[in-house]
Every structure is written in structure tokens, then in C-alpha cells.
Amino acid sequence: MYDDGFPSDSTFSTIFTLAAIAIALGFAFTIFVAIRNFMAAKKAGYDPFTLQTDLTTTAMKSGMMSPSKSMEARLAEVDGLHERGVISDAEHAAARAAILKG
């Protein structure tokens, strides 16, 4: 019998079957995770189809994405509020102390 270096038909069948099972399990797991994520988002009160957009817009509105002001800018803002009479002397002093403290 001639040996061409390839596995026999039964070995190939076994390998092919195992690969097909592994791929099928991968698809099943992916579907399972997608359903769990969908249900968790629904339970939390979010629309699963717009969740990424909802979270992005919430983060952008929260100020987390905006650059922080320098100490000088924050002090100038507090001084401006005090000059316009928006905050009292005590509030002005407390705010300046908090800014300078860091």
C-alpha cells in the first residue's frame, strides 16, 4: 500500500467532526452571551439596541470627557462669582481654600 503522508480517511473524518463541533459550540456560546447581555440591559432599564449610544452620550454630558480647568482658571471663576455677588465672602473664602488645597 502506498503511503502519501496524509492521515487516513477515518482520522480525517474524526478531525473534521471535532472541528465542526468546536465551531458549533463557539456559535452557540456567542448566541448565549448575546442573549444574556440583551436580558441584562433590559433588566437594568436600557434599550439593548441603543446601549452604546446611550452610554456614550451620558459620559459626554457628565463632564468626564471635558478637560479639567487649571487652578488659575478655577480661582478666576470663583473670584468672578464673588465680584458679581453670586457667592458670599464666606463661600468665596471656602471655595478658594478648597481649590488651593487641591
Protein backbone atom coordinates (compact mmCIF):
# COMPACT_ATOMS: atom_id res chain seq x y z
CA MET A 1 0.00 0.00 0.00
CA TYR A 2 1.28 3.42 -0.92
CA ASP A 3 1.70 5.96 1.97
CA ASP A 4 1.19 9.51 0.71
CA GLY A 5 1.78 11.15 4.13
CA PHE A 6 -1.83 12.21 4.65
CA PRO A 7 -3.94 10.84 7.50
CA SER A 8 -6.33 8.03 6.74
CA ASP A 9 -9.94 8.74 5.90
CA SER A 10 -11.14 7.80 9.38
CA THR A 11 -8.62 10.14 11.04
CA PHE A 12 -9.62 12.96 8.70
CA SER A 13 -13.29 12.33 9.46
CA THR A 14 -12.63 12.44 13.19
CA ILE A 15 -10.65 15.69 12.95
CA PHE A 16 -13.26 17.26 10.68
CA THR A 17 -16.08 16.21 13.06
CA LEU A 18 -14.26 17.62 16.10
CA ALA A 19 -13.59 20.90 14.27
CA ALA A 20 -17.25 21.16 13.25
CA ILE A 21 -18.35 20.52 16.85
CA ALA A 22 -15.91 23.17 18.14
CA ILE A 23 -17.24 25.73 15.64
CA ALA A 24 -20.85 24.90 16.51
CA LEU A 25 -20.09 25.27 20.24
CA GLY A 26 -18.43 28.62 19.54
CA PHE A 27 -21.52 29.87 17.71
CA ALA A 28 -23.80 28.58 20.47
CA PHE A 29 -21.70 30.30 23.14
CA THR A 30 -21.71 33.57 21.20
CA ILE A 31 -25.51 33.47 20.91
CA PHE A 32 -25.82 32.60 24.62
CA VAL A 33 -23.66 35.60 25.63
CA ALA A 34 -25.58 37.94 23.31
CA ILE A 35 -28.91 36.87 24.83
CA ARG A 36 -27.57 37.28 28.38
CA ASN A 37 -26.29 40.78 27.58
CA PHE A 38 -29.62 41.68 25.97
CA MET A 39 -31.56 40.49 29.02
CA ALA A 40 -29.20 42.25 31.48
CA ALA A 41 -29.56 45.55 29.61
CA LYS A 42 -33.36 45.19 29.53
CA LYS A 43 -33.44 44.38 33.25
CA ALA A 44 -31.34 47.48 34.01
CA GLY A 45 -33.83 49.62 32.08
CA TYR A 46 -31.72 50.27 28.97
CA ASP A 47 -32.60 49.70 25.34
CA PRO A 48 -30.13 46.99 24.26
CA PHE A 49 -30.14 48.24 20.68
CA THR A 50 -29.01 51.76 21.64
CA LEU A 51 -26.97 50.93 24.74
CA GLN A 52 -23.61 52.03 23.34
CA THR A 53 -25.02 55.35 22.17
CA ASP A 54 -26.83 55.91 25.47
CA LEU A 55 -23.66 55.28 27.47
CA THR A 56 -21.54 57.45 25.18
CA THR A 57 -23.90 60.43 25.36
CA THR A 58 -24.21 60.07 29.14
CA ALA A 59 -20.43 60.06 29.52
CA MET A 60 -20.04 63.08 27.23
CA LYS A 61 -22.67 65.07 29.13
CA SER A 62 -21.17 64.19 32.52
CA GLY A 63 -18.03 66.26 32.04
CA MET A 64 -15.76 63.24 32.20
CA MET A 65 -14.64 63.97 28.66
CA SER A 66 -14.00 67.68 29.12
CA PRO A 67 -10.52 68.85 30.03
CA SER A 68 -10.10 69.96 33.62
CA LYS A 69 -9.62 73.65 34.26
CA SER A 70 -6.34 74.95 35.60
CA MET A 71 -6.15 76.16 39.18
CA GLU A 72 -5.79 79.72 37.91
CA ALA A 73 -8.97 79.43 35.84
CA ARG A 74 -10.95 77.98 38.74
CA LEU A 75 -9.74 80.73 41.08
CA ALA A 76 -10.67 83.37 38.49
CA GLU A 77 -14.13 81.82 38.17
CA VAL A 78 -14.66 81.91 41.95
CA ASP A 79 -13.40 85.48 42.11
CA GLY A 80 -15.79 86.44 39.31
CA LEU A 81 -18.72 84.87 41.14
CA HIS A 82 -17.79 86.79 44.28
CA GLU A 83 -17.41 90.10 42.42
CA ARG A 84 -20.88 89.67 40.86
CA GLY A 85 -22.37 88.93 44.28
CA VAL A 86 -23.34 85.35 43.40
CA ILE A 87 -21.45 83.95 46.39
CA SER A 88 -20.81 85.45 49.83
CA ASP A 89 -17.46 86.29 51.39
CA ALA A 90 -17.51 83.06 53.42
CA GLU A 91 -18.35 80.96 50.35
CA HIS A 92 -15.63 82.73 48.38
CA ALA A 93 -13.04 82.03 51.06
CA ALA A 94 -14.13 78.39 51.37
CA ALA A 95 -14.08 77.85 47.61
CA ARG A 96 -10.62 79.42 47.23
CA ALA A 97 -9.32 77.29 50.09
CA ALA A 98 -10.74 74.13 48.52
CA ILE A 99 -9.19 74.98 45.14
CA LEU A 100 -5.81 75.79 46.65
CA LYS A 101 -5.92 72.60 48.71
CA GLY A 102 -6.36 70.57 45.56
